[in-house]
């Protein structure tokens, strides 16, 4: 009999990283004959991306309960769902979904998540209570691993599942992909400096500017395009918005260089063999850059890095590290045997 899965995560919000994680997860579960239902904020969008899946609206409580009740497994992840820095309400929501699974005696799976920070006492109590009753847990970083170990909870440490994507190599064009998101330090001054850095070092290149979640990225991407055109109105600048994950991969893969902020854009750059400059807005970006020896620009620095660090980057060096950074599906799939 085919196993039935309900997937809970930050799905349907058109955030590239979460949608990429959903893609690899759906593909893997369907490959073992699973019947997949997704809890999503945008049913039409999610259904358009996949064949043979069911969808439930994020806050449609009755249908969520019905889907979980009919399922065998409830899979929560990936990303950073169980934290209260973004919102305490968000933490409660994802824990509530997991609690429904427990009420109906389903096997709760925590998939490749970053756990925490959970700063509130109530949040820590609820998170620990729910996770202690999970059937299987994997986390994507050492900090989460140590946190759960300190709570007396067993888990596997894995890399980000987007590393599991298979990206076909394509010929690089004379292009620079710039991927930006809204952030306090990404102000007019920083954008002007970034535009100047590109003008100085990549004159004659086509510039591909990618908004990976329009509600957060688009305004700053538009602002950056204007900064480039202030320097030279004849710059070839292409602004990409409302793009799905396959299009994002296609754009980044075609570029010789990637200057990126978002964690998952950098992973795609690595997988597709770009020369990469990481824009460090979050510790996970800095950690990724350090692991793969990528040049990393602190957003608050007055000066940009020496361009030679980027231009002379030897892609073969980080590809050796990439070969050892493969998402291990074995323990995850063994859960369902």
Protein backbone atom coordinates (compact mmCIF):
# COMPACT_ATOMS: atom_id res chain seq x y z
CA UNK A 1 0.00 0.00 0.00
CA UNK A 2 1.35 3.42 -0.94
CA UNK A 3 2.53 5.61 1.93
CA UNK A 4 0.87 8.99 2.37
CA UNK A 5 2.82 12.12 3.34
CA UNK A 6 1.77 15.61 4.42
CA UNK A 7 4.48 18.27 4.00
CA UNK A 8 4.50 21.33 6.26
CA UNK A 9 6.80 24.28 5.61
CA UNK A 10 7.12 27.82 4.32
CA UNK A 11 5.60 26.78 1.02
CA UNK A 12 3.68 28.81 -1.53
CA UNK A 13 5.29 32.13 -0.59
CA UNK A 14 7.53 31.98 -3.68
CA UNK A 15 10.73 32.02 -1.67
CA UNK A 16 13.35 30.32 -3.82
CA UNK A 17 15.08 28.37 -1.05
CA UNK A 18 11.93 26.88 0.43
CA UNK A 19 10.50 26.07 -2.99
CA UNK A 20 13.76 24.36 -3.98
CA UNK A 21 13.65 22.27 -0.80
CA UNK A 22 10.04 21.35 -1.55
CA UNK A 23 11.05 20.30 -5.07
CA UNK A 24 13.74 17.87 -3.94
CA UNK A 25 11.51 16.53 -1.17
CA UNK A 26 8.50 15.90 -3.43
CA UNK A 27 10.72 14.30 -6.06
CA UNK A 28 12.31 11.96 -3.52
CA UNK A 29 9.03 10.93 -1.85
CA UNK A 30 7.31 10.32 -5.18
CA UNK A 31 10.30 8.26 -6.32
CA UNK A 32 9.52 5.77 -3.53
CA UNK A 33 5.83 5.72 -4.49
CA UNK A 34 4.62 8.21 -1.89
CA UNK A 35 1.33 10.10 -2.16
CA UNK A 36 2.17 13.72 -1.28
CA UNK A 37 -0.02 16.49 0.14
CA UNK A 38 1.46 19.97 0.68
CA UNK A 39 0.26 22.63 3.11
CA UNK A 40 0.75 25.83 1.09
CA UNK A 41 -0.23 29.48 1.10
CA UNK A 42 -0.88 29.39 -2.65
CA UNK A 43 -2.58 26.24 -3.87
CA UNK A 44 -2.60 27.21 -7.57
CA UNK A 45 1.12 28.07 -7.54
CA UNK A 46 2.16 24.88 -5.77
CA UNK A 47 -0.06 22.64 -7.91
CA UNK A 48 1.39 24.22 -11.06
CA UNK A 49 4.89 23.09 -10.06
CA UNK A 50 4.23 19.41 -9.44
CA UNK A 51 2.28 16.54 -10.90
CA UNK A 52 0.11 14.22 -8.84
CA UNK A 53 0.11 16.13 -5.55
CA UNK A 54 -2.67 17.34 -3.28
CA UNK A 55 -2.67 20.78 -1.65
CA UNK A 56 -4.21 22.28 1.46
CA UNK A 57 -4.37 25.99 2.28
CA UNK A 58 -2.07 27.12 5.10
CA UNK A 59 -4.81 28.17 7.52
CA UNK A 60 -7.57 25.80 6.36
CA UNK A 61 -7.62 24.00 9.68
CA UNK A 62 -10.36 21.45 8.92
CA UNK A 63 -8.73 20.28 5.69
CA UNK A 64 -5.28 20.24 7.31
CA UNK A 65 -6.63 17.98 10.05
CA UNK A 66 -8.31 15.79 7.41
CA UNK A 67 -5.12 15.47 5.36
CA UNK A 68 -2.98 14.61 8.40
CA UNK A 69 -5.58 12.16 9.68
CA UNK A 70 -5.41 10.26 6.36
CA UNK A 71 -1.60 10.33 6.22
CA UNK A 72 1.10 8.00 7.48
CA UNK A 73 3.82 10.64 7.94
CA UNK A 74 3.89 14.37 8.64
CA UNK A 75 7.11 15.95 7.34
CA UNK A 76 8.06 19.40 8.67
CA UNK A 77 10.84 21.30 6.91
CA UNK A 78 13.30 22.30 5.78
CA UNK A 79 14.46 25.82 6.53
CA UNK A 80 14.22 27.52 9.92
CA UNK A 81 10.62 26.91 10.92
CA UNK A 82 11.07 26.31 14.64
CA UNK A 83 12.32 29.69 15.85
CA UNK A 84 10.69 32.75 17.39
CA UNK A 85 13.04 35.48 16.13
CA UNK A 86 10.93 36.12 13.04
CA UNK A 87 7.64 35.61 14.87
CA UNK A 88 6.38 33.78 17.94
CA UNK A 89 3.11 33.17 16.08
CA UNK A 90 5.03 31.41 13.30
CA UNK A 91 6.69 29.09 15.82
CA UNK A 92 3.33 28.28 17.41
CA UNK A 93 1.81 27.58 13.98
CA UNK A 94 4.41 25.00 12.95
CA UNK A 95 4.35 23.37 16.39
CA UNK A 96 0.55 23.26 16.21
CA UNK A 97 0.72 21.42 12.88
CA UNK A 98 3.11 18.91 14.45
CA UNK A 99 0.81 18.54 17.46
CA UNK A 100 -2.03 17.53 15.12
CA UNK A 101 0.23 14.75 13.86
CA UNK A 102 0.82 13.59 17.43
CA UNK A 103 -2.88 13.70 18.30
CA UNK A 104 -3.63 11.32 15.42
CA UNK A 105 -0.60 9.14 16.20
CA UNK A 106 1.21 9.96 12.97
CA UNK A 107 4.97 9.67 12.55
CA UNK A 108 6.36 13.22 12.69
CA UNK A 109 9.52 13.81 10.65
CA UNK A 110 11.65 16.94 11.14
CA UNK A 111 13.47 17.35 7.84
CA UNK A 112 16.81 19.18 7.55
CA UNK A 113 15.76 22.09 9.73
CA UNK A 114 17.70 24.80 11.47
CA UNK A 115 16.27 24.80 15.01
CA UNK A 116 16.16 28.10 16.89
CA UNK A 117 16.89 30.58 18.14
CA UNK A 118 13.94 30.06 20.47
CA UNK A 119 14.22 32.91 22.97
CA UNK A 120 10.95 32.74 24.88
CA UNK A 121 10.55 30.34 27.79
CA UNK A 122 7.17 29.18 26.50
CA UNK A 123 8.59 28.69 23.00
CA UNK A 124 11.47 26.56 24.30
CA UNK A 125 9.13 24.47 26.44
CA UNK A 126 6.71 23.79 23.56
CA UNK A 127 9.46 23.13 20.99
CA UNK A 128 11.25 20.68 23.26
CA UNK A 129 7.97 18.96 24.17
CA UNK A 130 6.95 18.43 20.53
CA UNK A 131 10.41 17.43 19.28
CA UNK A 132 10.86 14.82 22.01
CA UNK A 133 7.90 13.02 20.45
CA UNK A 134 9.13 13.18 16.85
CA UNK A 135 9.70 9.91 15.01
CA UNK A 136 12.84 11.09 13.20
CA UNK A 137 14.78 14.38 13.18
CA UNK A 138 17.52 15.71 10.93
CA UNK A 139 19.05 19.18 11.29
CA UNK A 140 21.15 21.15 8.84
CA UNK A 141 23.72 22.82 11.12
CA UNK A 142 25.90 22.02 14.10
CA UNK A 143 24.28 24.67 16.31
CA UNK A 144 20.88 23.00 15.94
CA UNK A 145 22.49 19.59 16.49
CA UNK A 146 24.10 20.71 19.75
CA UNK A 147 20.88 22.38 20.92
CA UNK A 148 18.87 19.19 20.50
CA UNK A 149 21.61 17.09 22.08
CA UNK A 150 21.50 19.41 25.10
CA UNK A 151 17.76 18.85 25.23
CA UNK A 152 18.32 15.09 25.20
CA UNK A 153 16.89 14.66 21.70
CA UNK A 154 18.53 12.40 19.12
CA UNK A 155 18.96 13.74 15.59
CA UNK A 156 21.06 13.38 12.45
CA UNK A 157 23.26 16.20 11.17
CA UNK A 158 22.87 16.71 7.40
CA UNK A 159 23.75 19.38 4.88
CA UNK A 160 21.12 21.55 3.22
CA UNK A 161 18.92 19.42 0.92
CA UNK A 162 19.39 21.88 -1.96
CA UNK A 163 22.88 20.39 -2.24
CA UNK A 164 21.00 17.34 -3.51
CA UNK A 165 19.88 19.08 -6.70
CA UNK A 166 21.32 17.77 -9.94
CA UNK A 167 22.18 20.73 -12.15
CA UNK A 168 23.20 20.01 -15.70
CA UNK A 169 26.37 21.93 -16.65
CA UNK A 170 25.87 24.58 -19.34
CA UNK A 171 28.27 26.93 -21.10
CA UNK A 172 28.96 30.14 -19.19
CA UNK A 173 28.16 33.48 -20.84
CA UNK A 174 29.79 36.85 -20.22
CA UNK A 175 27.30 37.62 -17.47
CA UNK A 176 27.23 38.57 -13.81
CA UNK A 177 24.23 37.49 -11.72
CA UNK A 178 23.47 39.83 -8.81
CA UNK A 179 21.03 38.50 -6.22
CA UNK A 180 19.92 40.91 -3.49
CA UNK A 181 17.37 41.03 -0.70
CA UNK A 182 16.09 43.72 1.62
CA UNK A 183 18.31 44.23 4.66
CA UNK A 184 19.15 47.22 6.87
CA UNK A 185 22.71 47.50 5.54
CA UNK A 186 21.62 47.20 1.91
CA UNK A 187 20.94 50.93 1.65
CA UNK A 188 21.53 53.50 -1.08
CA UNK A 189 25.18 53.88 -0.11
CA UNK A 190 25.88 50.15 -0.28
CA UNK A 191 24.03 49.77 -3.57
CA UNK A 192 26.02 52.65 -5.06
CA UNK A 193 29.27 51.01 -3.95
CA UNK A 194 28.19 47.67 -5.38
CA UNK A 195 27.26 49.30 -8.69
CA UNK A 196 30.66 51.01 -8.75
CA UNK A 197 32.42 47.71 -8.02
CA UNK A 198 30.65 46.05 -10.93
CA UNK A 199 31.26 48.98 -13.27
CA UNK A 200 34.96 48.96 -12.44
CA UNK A 201 35.50 45.22 -12.78
CA UNK A 202 32.83 43.93 -15.17
CA UNK A 203 32.43 46.54 -17.84
CA UNK A 204 31.02 44.86 -20.94
CA UNK A 205 29.30 42.12 -18.99
CA UNK A 206 25.55 41.56 -19.08
CA UNK A 207 24.06 41.96 -15.61
CA UNK A 208 21.28 39.62 -14.48
CA UNK A 209 19.54 40.91 -11.34
CA UNK A 210 17.40 38.30 -9.56
CA UNK A 211 14.59 38.83 -7.08
CA UNK A 212 14.05 35.46 -5.43
CA UNK A 213 11.12 36.52 -3.25
CA UNK A 214 9.47 39.61 -4.70
CA UNK A 215 7.82 40.72 -1.45
CA UNK A 216 11.29 41.10 0.13
CA UNK A 217 13.76 41.38 -2.77
CA UNK A 218 12.12 43.27 -5.59
CA UNK A 219 12.36 46.88 -4.38
CA UNK A 220 16.06 46.63 -3.55
CA UNK A 221 16.74 44.90 -6.88
CA UNK A 222 14.97 47.72 -8.74
CA UNK A 223 16.98 50.28 -6.79
CA UNK A 224 20.22 48.54 -7.70
CA UNK A 225 19.31 48.51 -11.40
CA UNK A 226 18.77 52.27 -11.19
CA UNK A 227 22.20 52.73 -9.58
CA UNK A 228 23.84 50.87 -12.46
CA UNK A 229 21.98 52.93 -15.05
CA UNK A 230 23.01 56.14 -13.27
CA UNK A 231 26.61 55.12 -13.95
CA UNK A 232 25.89 54.14 -17.56
CA UNK A 233 22.38 54.34 -19.07
CA UNK A 234 23.44 51.85 -21.74
CA UNK A 235 24.25 49.05 -19.32
CA UNK A 236 22.59 45.76 -20.30
CA UNK A 237 20.70 45.07 -17.08
CA UNK A 238 17.97 42.41 -16.89
CA UNK A 239 15.71 42.43 -13.84
CA UNK A 240 14.09 39.05 -13.17
CA UNK A 241 11.00 38.91 -10.97
CA UNK A 242 8.23 36.42 -10.25
CA UNK A 243 10.46 33.57 -11.40
CA UNK A 244 10.17 29.92 -10.42
CA UNK A 245 13.02 27.80 -9.09
CA UNK A 246 13.86 26.26 -12.47
CA UNK A 247 14.26 29.71 -14.02
CA UNK A 248 16.45 30.86 -11.13
CA UNK A 249 18.73 27.86 -11.63
CA UNK A 250 18.86 28.51 -15.37
CA UNK A 251 19.82 32.16 -14.92
CA UNK A 252 22.53 31.56 -12.31
CA UNK A 253 23.94 28.58 -14.20
CA UNK A 254 24.42 30.65 -17.35
CA UNK A 255 26.51 33.30 -15.57
CA UNK A 256 30.26 33.36 -15.14
CA UNK A 257 29.96 35.27 -11.85
CA UNK A 258 27.47 35.35 -8.99
CA UNK A 259 27.30 38.13 -6.41
CA UNK A 260 24.68 36.84 -4.01
CA UNK A 261 23.12 37.31 -0.61
CA UNK A 262 20.62 34.52 -0.14
CA UNK A 263 22.04 31.25 1.15
CA UNK A 264 20.36 29.08 -1.47
CA UNK A 265 21.39 31.30 -4.37
CA UNK A 266 25.00 30.68 -3.29
CA UNK A 267 24.43 26.93 -3.21
CA UNK A 268 23.09 27.08 -6.79
CA UNK A 269 26.16 29.10 -7.74
CA UNK A 270 28.39 26.42 -6.26
CA UNK A 271 26.54 23.57 -7.95
CA UNK A 272 26.65 25.32 -11.33
CA UNK A 273 30.33 26.34 -11.17
CA UNK A 274 30.11 30.14 -10.89
CA UNK A 275 32.84 32.34 -9.49
CA UNK A 276 31.15 33.66 -6.36
CA UNK A 277 31.20 36.68 -4.09
CA UNK A 278 29.04 36.12 -1.00
CA UNK A 279 27.35 39.18 0.53
CA UNK A 280 27.36 38.42 4.23
CA UNK A 281 24.06 39.36 5.88
CA UNK A 282 23.64 36.24 8.01
CA UNK A 283 25.97 33.86 9.89
CA UNK A 284 24.89 30.96 7.68
CA UNK A 285 26.21 32.85 4.61
CA UNK A 286 29.54 33.53 6.29
CA UNK A 287 29.80 29.89 7.36
CA UNK A 288 29.11 28.70 3.81
CA UNK A 289 31.69 31.11 2.40
CA UNK A 290 34.29 29.92 4.89
CA UNK A 291 33.61 26.26 4.15
CA UNK A 292 34.08 26.71 0.39
CA UNK A 293 36.79 29.40 0.62
CA UNK A 294 34.63 31.97 -1.15
CA UNK A 295 35.40 35.69 -1.01
CA UNK A 296 32.91 37.25 1.39
CA UNK A 297 31.90 40.91 1.56
CA UNK A 298 30.76 42.30 4.91
CA UNK A 299 27.87 44.67 4.21
CA UNK A 300 29.17 47.24 6.70
CA UNK A 301 32.70 47.45 5.31
CA UNK A 302 33.59 50.80 3.78
CA UNK A 303 35.55 49.18 0.96
CA UNK A 304 34.77 46.24 -1.28
CA UNK A 305 37.08 43.26 -1.49
CA UNK A 306 39.98 43.23 -3.88
CA UNK A 307 38.36 42.10 -7.14
CA UNK A 308 41.25 39.70 -7.76
CA UNK A 309 39.79 37.42 -5.05
CA UNK A 310 36.72 36.99 -7.22
CA UNK A 311 38.20 37.16 -10.71
CA UNK A 312 41.05 34.74 -9.95
CA UNK A 313 38.88 32.31 -8.02
CA UNK A 314 39.64 28.69 -8.94
CA UNK A 315 36.31 26.92 -9.19
CA UNK A 316 38.00 23.51 -9.09
CA UNK A 317 39.07 24.21 -5.49
CA UNK A 318 35.56 24.45 -4.14
CA UNK A 319 34.33 21.65 -6.40
CA UNK A 320 36.59 19.29 -4.45
CA UNK A 321 34.78 20.33 -1.27
CA UNK A 322 31.42 20.10 -3.05
CA UNK A 323 32.06 16.44 -3.89
CA UNK A 324 32.09 15.72 -0.14
CA UNK A 325 28.98 17.82 0.51
CA UNK A 326 26.19 15.63 -0.77
CA UNK A 327 22.82 15.34 0.88
CA UNK A 328 22.58 11.86 2.40
CA UNK A 329 19.09 10.50 1.82
CA UNK A 330 19.78 7.05 3.27
CA UNK A 331 18.73 7.62 6.90
CA UNK A 332 15.71 9.66 5.80
CA UNK A 333 14.49 6.98 3.37
CA UNK A 334 15.20 4.14 5.79
CA UNK A 335 12.56 5.65 8.08
CA UNK A 336 9.88 4.64 5.58
CA UNK A 337 10.93 1.02 5.06
